[in-house]
PDB file of all heavy atoms in Angstrom:
ATOM      1  N   TRP A   1      26.065  48.500  80.032  1.00  0.00           N
ATOM      2  CA  TRP A   1      26.013  49.487  79.121  1.00  0.00           C
ATOM      3  C   TRP A   1      27.168  50.530  79.278  1.00  0.00           C
ATOM      4  O   TRP A   1      27.655  50.979  78.325  1.00  0.00           O
ATOM      5  CB  TRP A   1      24.727  50.258  79.211  1.00  0.00           C
ATOM      6  CG  TRP A   1      23.627  49.486  78.463  1.00  0.00           C
ATOM      7  CD1 TRP A   1      22.555  48.719  79.001  1.00  0.00           C
ATOM      8  CD2 TRP A   1      23.554  49.237  77.071  1.00  0.00           C
ATOM      9  NE1 TRP A   1      21.881  48.063  78.040  1.00  0.00           N
ATOM     10  CE2 TRP A   1      22.402  48.264  76.814  1.00  0.00           C
ATOM     11  CE3 TRP A   1      24.234  49.617  75.928  1.00  0.00           C
ATOM     12  CZ2 TRP A   1      22.013  47.909  75.536  1.00  0.00           C
ATOM     13  CZ3 TRP A   1      23.892  49.288  74.783  1.00  0.00           C
ATOM     14  CH2 TRP A   1      22.763  48.348  74.534  1.00  0.00           C
ATOM     15  N   ARG A   2      27.571  50.776  80.546  1.00  0.00           N
ATOM     16  CA  ARG A   2      28.718  51.611  80.734  1.00  0.00           C
ATOM     17  C   ARG A   2      29.991  50.969  80.109  1.00  0.00           C
ATOM     18  O   ARG A   2      30.759  51.643  79.465  1.00  0.00           O
ATOM     19  CB  ARG A   2      29.029  51.912  82.315  1.00  0.00           C
ATOM     20  CG  ARG A   2      28.021  52.947  82.840  1.00  0.00           C
ATOM     21  CD  ARG A   2      28.499  53.415  84.229  1.00  0.00           C
ATOM     22  NE  ARG A   2      28.611  52.306  85.180  1.00  0.00           N
ATOM     23  CZ  ARG A   2      27.775  51.789  85.952  1.00  0.00           C
ATOM     24  NH1 ARG A   2      26.519  52.369  85.886  1.00  0.00           N
ATOM     25  NH2 ARG A   2      28.024  50.790  86.764  1.00  0.00           N
ATOM     26  N   TRP A   3      30.220  49.760  80.272  1.00  0.00           N
ATOM     27  CA  TRP A   3      31.386  49.027  79.761  1.00  0.00           C
ATOM     28  C   TRP A   3      31.283  49.100  78.156  1.00  0.00           C
ATOM     29  O   TRP A   3      32.183  49.380  77.481  1.00  0.00           O
ATOM     30  CB  TRP A   3      31.351  47.515  80.235  1.00  0.00           C
ATOM     31  CG  TRP A   3      32.620  46.744  79.698  1.00  0.00           C
ATOM     32  CD1 TRP A   3      33.857  46.967  80.123  1.00  0.00           C
ATOM     33  CD2 TRP A   3      32.697  46.014  78.534  1.00  0.00           C
ATOM     34  NE1 TRP A   3      34.739  46.155  79.290  1.00  0.00           N
ATOM     35  CE2 TRP A   3      33.931  45.567  78.376  1.00  0.00           C
ATOM     36  CE3 TRP A   3      31.717  45.472  77.588  1.00  0.00           C
ATOM     37  CZ2 TRP A   3      34.423  44.717  77.326  1.00  0.00           C
ATOM     38  CZ3 TRP A   3      32.136  44.651  76.663  1.00  0.00           C
ATOM     39  CH2 TRP A   3      33.481  44.308  76.494  1.00  0.00           C
ATOM     40  N   LEU A   4      30.139  48.745  77.590  1.00  0.00           N
ATOM     41  CA  LEU A   4      29.983  48.780  76.133  1.00  0.00           C
ATOM     42  C   LEU A   4      30.194  50.156  75.539  1.00  0.00           C
ATOM     43  O   LEU A   4      30.743  50.250  74.373  1.00  0.00           O
ATOM     44  CB  LEU A   4      28.575  48.288  75.812  1.00  0.00           C
ATOM     45  CG  LEU A   4      28.194  46.754  75.932  1.00  0.00           C
ATOM     46  CD1 LEU A   4      26.723  46.550  75.859  1.00  0.00           C
ATOM     47  CD2 LEU A   4      29.058  46.041  74.876  1.00  0.00           C
ATOM     48  N   ALA A   5      29.989  51.180  76.261  1.00  0.00           N
ATOM     49  CA  ALA A   5      30.141  52.538  75.703  1.00  0.00           C
ATOM     50  C   ALA A   5      31.331  53.174  76.108  1.00  0.00           C
ATOM     51  O   ALA A   5      31.724  54.259  75.502  1.00  0.00           O
ATOM     52  CB  ALA A   5      28.928  53.420  76.305  1.00  0.00           C
ATOM     53  N   ALA A   6      32.148  52.561  76.973  1.00  0.00           N
ATOM     54  CA  ALA A   6      33.532  53.157  77.348  1.00  0.00           C
ATOM     55  C   ALA A   6      34.617  52.728  76.568  1.00  0.00           C
ATOM     56  O   ALA A   6      34.612  51.584  76.029  1.00  0.00           O
ATOM     57  CB  ALA A   6      33.721  52.947  78.853  1.00  0.00           C
ATOM     58  N   SER A   7      35.513  53.522  76.369  1.00  0.00           N
ATOM     59  CA  SER A   7      36.827  53.182  75.583  1.00  0.00           C
ATOM     60  C   SER A   7      37.484  52.131  76.288  1.00  0.00           C
ATOM     61  O   SER A   7      37.645  52.216  77.616  1.00  0.00           O
ATOM     62  CB  SER A   7      37.672  54.369  75.459  1.00  0.00           C
ATOM     63  OG  SER A   7      38.756  53.997  74.711  1.00  0.00           O
ATOM     64  N   SER A   8      37.902  50.926  75.693  1.00  0.00           N
ATOM     65  CA  SER A   8      38.541  49.904  76.261  1.00  0.00           C
ATOM     66  C   SER A   8      40.051  49.903  75.717  1.00  0.00           C
ATOM     67  O   SER A   8      40.305  49.777  74.602  1.00  0.00           O
ATOM     68  CB  SER A   8      37.941  48.535  75.803  1.00  0.00           C
ATOM     69  OG  SER A   8      38.784  47.543  76.135  1.00  0.00           O
ATOM     70  N   PRO A   9      40.983  50.005  76.699  1.00  0.00           N
ATOM     71  CA  PRO A   9      42.370  49.980  76.369  1.00  0.00           C
ATOM     72  C   PRO A   9      42.797  48.606  75.767  1.00  0.00           C
ATOM     73  O   PRO A   9      43.639  48.616  74.801  1.00  0.00           O
ATOM     74  CB  PRO A   9      43.107  50.183  77.598  1.00  0.00           C
ATOM     75  CG  PRO A   9      42.150  50.636  78.620  1.00  0.00           C
ATOM     76  CD  PRO A   9      40.766  50.215  78.166  1.00  0.00           C
ATOM     77  N   VAL A  10      42.156  47.614  76.110  1.00  0.00           N
ATOM     78  CA  VAL A  10      42.514  46.246  75.639  1.00  0.00           C
ATOM     79  C   VAL A  10      42.009  46.047  74.225  1.00  0.00           C
ATOM     80  O   VAL A  10      42.696  45.567  73.295  1.00  0.00           O
ATOM     81  CB  VAL A  10      41.844  45.164  76.505  1.00  0.00           C
ATOM     82  CG1 VAL A  10      41.988  43.805  75.916  1.00  0.00           C
ATOM     83  CG2 VAL A  10      42.557  45.198  77.909  1.00  0.00           C
ATOM     84  N   LEU A  11      40.855  46.582  73.930  1.00  0.00           N
ATOM     85  CA  LEU A  11      40.131  46.510  72.573  1.00  0.00           C
ATOM     86  C   LEU A  11      40.583  47.569  71.583  1.00  0.00           C
ATOM     87  O   LEU A  11      40.473  47.520  70.466  1.00  0.00           O
ATOM     88  CB  LEU A  11      38.618  46.559  72.740  1.00  0.00           C
ATOM     89  CG  LEU A  11      37.979  45.348  73.438  1.00  0.00           C
ATOM     90  CD1 LEU A  11      36.554  45.498  73.661  1.00  0.00           C
ATOM     91  CD2 LEU A  11      38.381  44.118  72.640  1.00  0.00           C
ATOM     92  N   GLY A  12      41.137  48.704  72.187  1.00  0.00           N
ATOM     93  CA  GLY A  12      41.593  49.827  71.411  1.00  0.00           C
ATOM     94  C   GLY A  12      40.435  50.742  70.940  1.00  0.00           C
ATOM     95  O   GLY A  12      40.674  51.466  70.048  1.00  0.00           O
ATOM     96  N   ALA A  13      39.209  50.401  71.399  1.00  0.00           N
ATOM     97  CA  ALA A  13      38.073  51.204  71.033  1.00  0.00           C
ATOM     98  C   ALA A  13      36.893  50.908  71.962  1.00  0.00           C
ATOM     99  O   ALA A  13      37.039  50.106  72.939  1.00  0.00           O
ATOM    100  CB  ALA A  13      37.586  50.751  69.571  1.00  0.00           C
ATOM    101  N   ARG A  14      35.783  51.683  71.707  1.00  0.00           N
ATOM    102  CA  ARG A  14      34.590  51.218  72.488  1.00  0.00           C
ATOM    103  C   ARG A  14      34.105  50.049  72.026  1.00  0.00           C
ATOM    104  O   ARG A  14      33.958  49.825  70.802  1.00  0.00           O
ATOM    105  CB  ARG A  14      33.539  52.288  72.423  1.00  0.00           C
ATOM    106  CG  ARG A  14      33.911  53.738  72.927  1.00  0.00           C
ATOM    107  CD  ARG A  14      32.778  54.825  72.867  1.00  0.00           C
ATOM    108  NE  ARG A  14      31.905  54.484  71.548  1.00  0.00           N
ATOM    109  CZ  ARG A  14      30.605  54.779  71.640  1.00  0.00           C
ATOM    110  NH1 ARG A  14      30.051  55.255  72.675  1.00  0.00           N
ATOM    111  NH2 ARG A  14      29.879  54.596  70.568  1.00  0.00           N
ATOM    112  N   PRO A  15      33.646  49.021  72.921  1.00  0.00           N
ATOM    113  CA  PRO A  15      33.055  47.843  72.349  1.00  0.00           C
ATOM    114  C   PRO A  15      32.011  48.046  71.480  1.00  0.00           C
ATOM    115  O   PRO A  15      31.877  47.326  70.375  1.00  0.00           O
ATOM    116  CB  PRO A  15      32.626  47.227  73.701  1.00  0.00           C
ATOM    117  CG  PRO A  15      33.611  47.579  74.790  1.00  0.00           C
ATOM    118  CD  PRO A  15      33.778  49.023  74.294  1.00  0.00           C
ATOM    119  N   LEU A  16      31.136  49.024  71.707  1.00  0.00           N
ATOM    120  CA  LEU A  16      29.972  49.267  70.823  1.00  0.00           C
ATOM    121  C   LEU A  16      30.469  49.581  69.344  1.00  0.00           C
ATOM    122  O   LEU A  16      29.839  49.303  68.327  1.00  0.00           O
ATOM    123  CB  LEU A  16      29.163  50.440  71.218  1.00  0.00           C
ATOM    124  CG  LEU A  16      28.174  50.144  72.476  1.00  0.00           C
ATOM    125  CD1 LEU A  16      27.444  51.333  72.930  1.00  0.00           C
ATOM    126  CD2 LEU A  16      27.158  48.996  72.024  1.00  0.00           C
ATOM    127  N   ASP A  17      31.572  50.296  69.267  1.00  0.00           N
ATOM    128  CA  ASP A  17      32.154  50.667  67.886  1.00  0.00           C
ATOM    129  C   ASP A  17      32.649  49.451  67.149  1.00  0.00           C
ATOM    130  O   ASP A  17      32.895  49.597  65.933  1.00  0.00           O
ATOM    131  CB  ASP A  17      33.134  51.772  68.079  1.00  0.00           C
ATOM    132  CG  ASP A  17      32.668  53.070  68.617  1.00  0.00           C
ATOM    133  OD1 ASP A  17      31.544  53.318  68.420  1.00  0.00           O
ATOM    134  OD2 ASP A  17      33.520  53.859  69.179  1.00  0.00           O
ATOM    135  N   LEU A  18      32.950  48.331  67.802  1.00  0.00           N
ATOM    136  CA  LEU A  18      33.535  47.146  67.141  1.00  0.00           C
ATOM    137  C   LEU A  18      32.542  46.259  66.580  1.00  0.00           C
ATOM    138  O   LEU A  18      32.878  45.271  65.966  1.00  0.00           O
ATOM    139  CB  LEU A  18      34.454  46.581  68.108  1.00  0.00           C
ATOM    140  CG  LEU A  18      35.641  47.339  68.586  1.00  0.00           C
ATOM    141  CD1 LEU A  18      36.435  46.603  69.676  1.00  0.00           C
ATOM    142  CD2 LEU A  18      36.559  47.795  67.456  1.00  0.00           C
ATOM    143  N   LEU A  19      31.205  46.377  66.892  1.00  0.00           N
ATOM    144  CA  LEU A  19      30.196  45.496  66.622  1.00  0.00           C
ATOM    145  C   LEU A  19      29.742  45.404  65.154  1.00  0.00           C
ATOM    146  O   LEU A  19      28.896  44.636  64.776  1.00  0.00           O
ATOM    147  CB  LEU A  19      28.988  45.635  67.544  1.00  0.00           C
ATOM    148  CG  LEU A  19      29.239  45.536  69.039  1.00  0.00           C
ATOM    149  CD1 LEU A  19      28.060  45.758  69.881  1.00  0.00           C
ATOM    150  CD2 LEU A  19      29.910  44.144  69.345  1.00  0.00           C
ATOM    151  N   GLY A  20      30.348  46.244  64.330  1.00  0.00           N
ATOM    152  CA  GLY A  20      30.020  46.172  62.925  1.00  0.00           C
ATOM    153  C   GLY A  20      30.643  45.269  62.209  1.00  0.00           C
ATOM    154  O   GLY A  20      30.392  45.136  60.893  1.00  0.00           O
ATOM    155  N   THR A  21      31.647  44.529  62.601  1.00  0.00           N
ATOM    156  CA  THR A  21      32.340  43.522  61.879  1.00  0.00           C
ATOM    157  C   THR A  21      32.450  42.217  62.701  1.00  0.00           C
ATOM    158  O   THR A  21      32.282  42.196  63.870  1.00  0.00           O
ATOM    159  CB  THR A  21      33.847  43.928  61.581  1.00  0.00           C
ATOM    160  OG1 THR A  21      34.592  43.933  62.796  1.00  0.00           O
ATOM    161  CG2 THR A  21      33.913  45.300  60.948  1.00  0.00           C
ATOM    162  N   THR A  22      32.658  41.172  61.918  1.00  0.00           N
ATOM    163  CA  THR A  22      32.706  39.788  62.534  1.00  0.00           C
ATOM    164  C   THR A  22      33.900  39.751  63.494  1.00  0.00           C
ATOM    165  O   THR A  22      33.856  39.292  64.649  1.00  0.00           O
ATOM    166  CB  THR A  22      32.864  38.813  61.488  1.00  0.00           C
ATOM    167  OG1 THR A  22      31.655  38.776  60.722  1.00  0.00           O
ATOM    168  CG2 THR A  22      32.887  37.320  62.123  1.00  0.00           C
ATOM    169  N   ALA A  23      35.044  40.431  63.102  1.00  0.00           N
ATOM    170  CA  ALA A  23      36.245  40.372  63.930  1.00  0.00           C
ATOM    171  C   ALA A  23      35.966  41.144  65.141  1.00  0.00           C
ATOM    172  O   ALA A  23      36.458  40.797  66.294  1.00  0.00           O
ATOM    173  CB  ALA A  23      37.459  40.867  63.114  1.00  0.00           C
ATOM    174  N   GLY A  24      35.346  42.307  65.070  1.00  0.00           N
ATOM    175  CA  GLY A  24      35.063  43.070  66.232  1.00  0.00           C
ATOM    176  C   GLY A  24      34.193  42.361  67.188  1.00  0.00           C
ATOM    177  O   GLY A  24      34.384  42.471  68.391  1.00  0.00           O
ATOM    178  N   VAL A  25      33.145  41.749  66.687  1.00  0.00           N
ATOM    179  CA  VAL A  25      32.223  40.911  67.618  1.00  0.00           C
ATOM    180  C   VAL A  25      33.048  39.897  68.286  1.00  0.00           C
ATOM    181  O   VAL A  25      32.816  39.647  69.508  1.00  0.00           O
ATOM    182  CB  VAL A  25      31.100  40.304  66.757  1.00  0.00           C
ATOM    183  CG1 VAL A  25      30.344  39.470  67.600  1.00  0.00           C
ATOM    184  CG2 VAL A  25      30.174  41.458  66.340  1.00  0.00           C
ATOM    185  N   ALA A  26      33.872  39.179  67.560  1.00  0.00           N
ATOM    186  CA  ALA A  26      34.627  38.158  68.289  1.00  0.00           C
ATOM    187  C   ALA A  26      35.523  38.738  69.261  1.00  0.00           C
ATOM    188  O   ALA A  26      35.685  38.146  70.326  1.00  0.00           O
ATOM    189  CB  ALA A  26      35.439  37.389  67.130  1.00  0.00           C
ATOM    190  N   ALA A  27      36.176  39.943  69.050  1.00  0.00           N
ATOM    191  CA  ALA A  27      37.099  40.472  70.114  1.00  0.00           C
ATOM    192  C   ALA A  27      36.280  40.873  71.290  1.00  0.00           C
ATOM    193  O   ALA A  27      36.715  40.783  72.360  1.00  0.00           O
ATOM    194  CB  ALA A  27      37.734  41.742  69.382  1.00  0.00           C
ATOM    195  N   VAL A  28      35.040  41.484  71.105  1.00  0.00           N
ATOM    196  CA  VAL A  28      34.296  41.944  72.234  1.00  0.00           C
ATOM    197  C   VAL A  28      33.729  40.706  72.974  1.00  0.00           C
ATOM    198  O   VAL A  28      33.862  40.711  74.328  1.00  0.00           O
ATOM    199  CB  VAL A  28      33.029  42.765  71.811  1.00  0.00           C
ATOM    200  CG1 VAL A  28      32.079  42.982  72.950  1.00  0.00           C
ATOM    201  CG2 VAL A  28      33.564  44.080  71.160  1.00  0.00           C
ATOM    202  N   LEU A  29      33.355  39.646  72.366  1.00  0.00           N
ATOM    203  CA  LEU A  29      32.950  38.466  72.935  1.00  0.00           C
ATOM    204  C   LEU A  29      34.086  37.854  73.815  1.00  0.00           C
ATOM    205  O   LEU A  29      33.906  37.353  74.960  1.00  0.00           O
ATOM    206  CB  LEU A  29      32.450  37.322  72.092  1.00  0.00           C
ATOM    207  CG  LEU A  29      30.993  37.694  71.485  1.00  0.00           C
ATOM    208  CD1 LEU A  29      30.600  36.741  70.443  1.00  0.00           C
ATOM    209  CD2 LEU A  29      29.993  37.689  72.661  1.00  0.00           C
ATOM    210  N   ASP A  30      35.310  37.798  73.165  1.00  0.00           N
ATOM    211  CA  ASP A  30      36.452  37.270  73.803  1.00  0.00           C
ATOM    212  C   ASP A  30      36.793  38.112  75.120  1.00  0.00           C
ATOM    213  O   ASP A  30      37.122  37.528  76.156  1.00  0.00           O
ATOM    214  CB  ASP A  30      37.748  37.308  73.017  1.00  0.00           C
ATOM    215  CG  ASP A  30      38.966  36.707  73.598  1.00  0.00           C
ATOM    216  OD1 ASP A  30      38.898  35.586  74.015  1.00  0.00           O
ATOM    217  OD2 ASP A  30      39.951  37.460  73.624  1.00  0.00           O
ATOM    218  N   GLU A  31      36.666  39.366  75.075  1.00  0.00           N
ATOM    219  CA  GLU A  31      36.999  40.206  76.251  1.00  0.00           C
ATOM    220  C   GLU A  31      35.942  39.996  77.285  1.00  0.00           C
ATOM    221  O   GLU A  31      36.196  39.986  78.501  1.00  0.00           O
ATOM    222  CB  GLU A  31      37.042  41.704  75.842  1.00  0.00           C
ATOM    223  CG  GLU A  31      37.342  42.689  76.877  1.00  0.00           C
ATOM    224  CD  GLU A  31      38.690  42.425  77.564  1.00  0.00           C
ATOM    225  OE1 GLU A  31      39.536  41.703  76.984  1.00  0.00           O
ATOM    226  OE2 GLU A  31      38.974  43.071  78.573  1.00  0.00           O
ATOM    227  N   LEU A  32      34.614  39.910  76.965  1.00  0.00           N
ATOM    228  CA  LEU A  32      33.578  39.629  77.914  1.00  0.00           C
ATOM    229  C   LEU A  32      33.989  38.240  78.637  1.00  0.00           C
ATOM    230  O   LEU A  32      33.686  38.076  79.852  1.00  0.00           O
ATOM    231  CB  LEU A  32      32.281  39.480  77.236  1.00  0.00           C
ATOM    232  CG  LEU A  32      31.640  40.935  76.957  1.00  0.00           C
ATOM    233  CD1 LEU A  32      30.447  40.770  76.171  1.00  0.00           C
ATOM    234  CD2 LEU A  32      31.302  41.708  78.293  1.00  0.00           C
TER     235      LEU A  32
END
């Protein structure tokens, strides 16, 4: 949960903020 809520330099945003789009979900899954 800390990782999901923290700003990610690699993703350019908080992972939670990216989950509203298919591309965002794919980016978060790739990073995981």
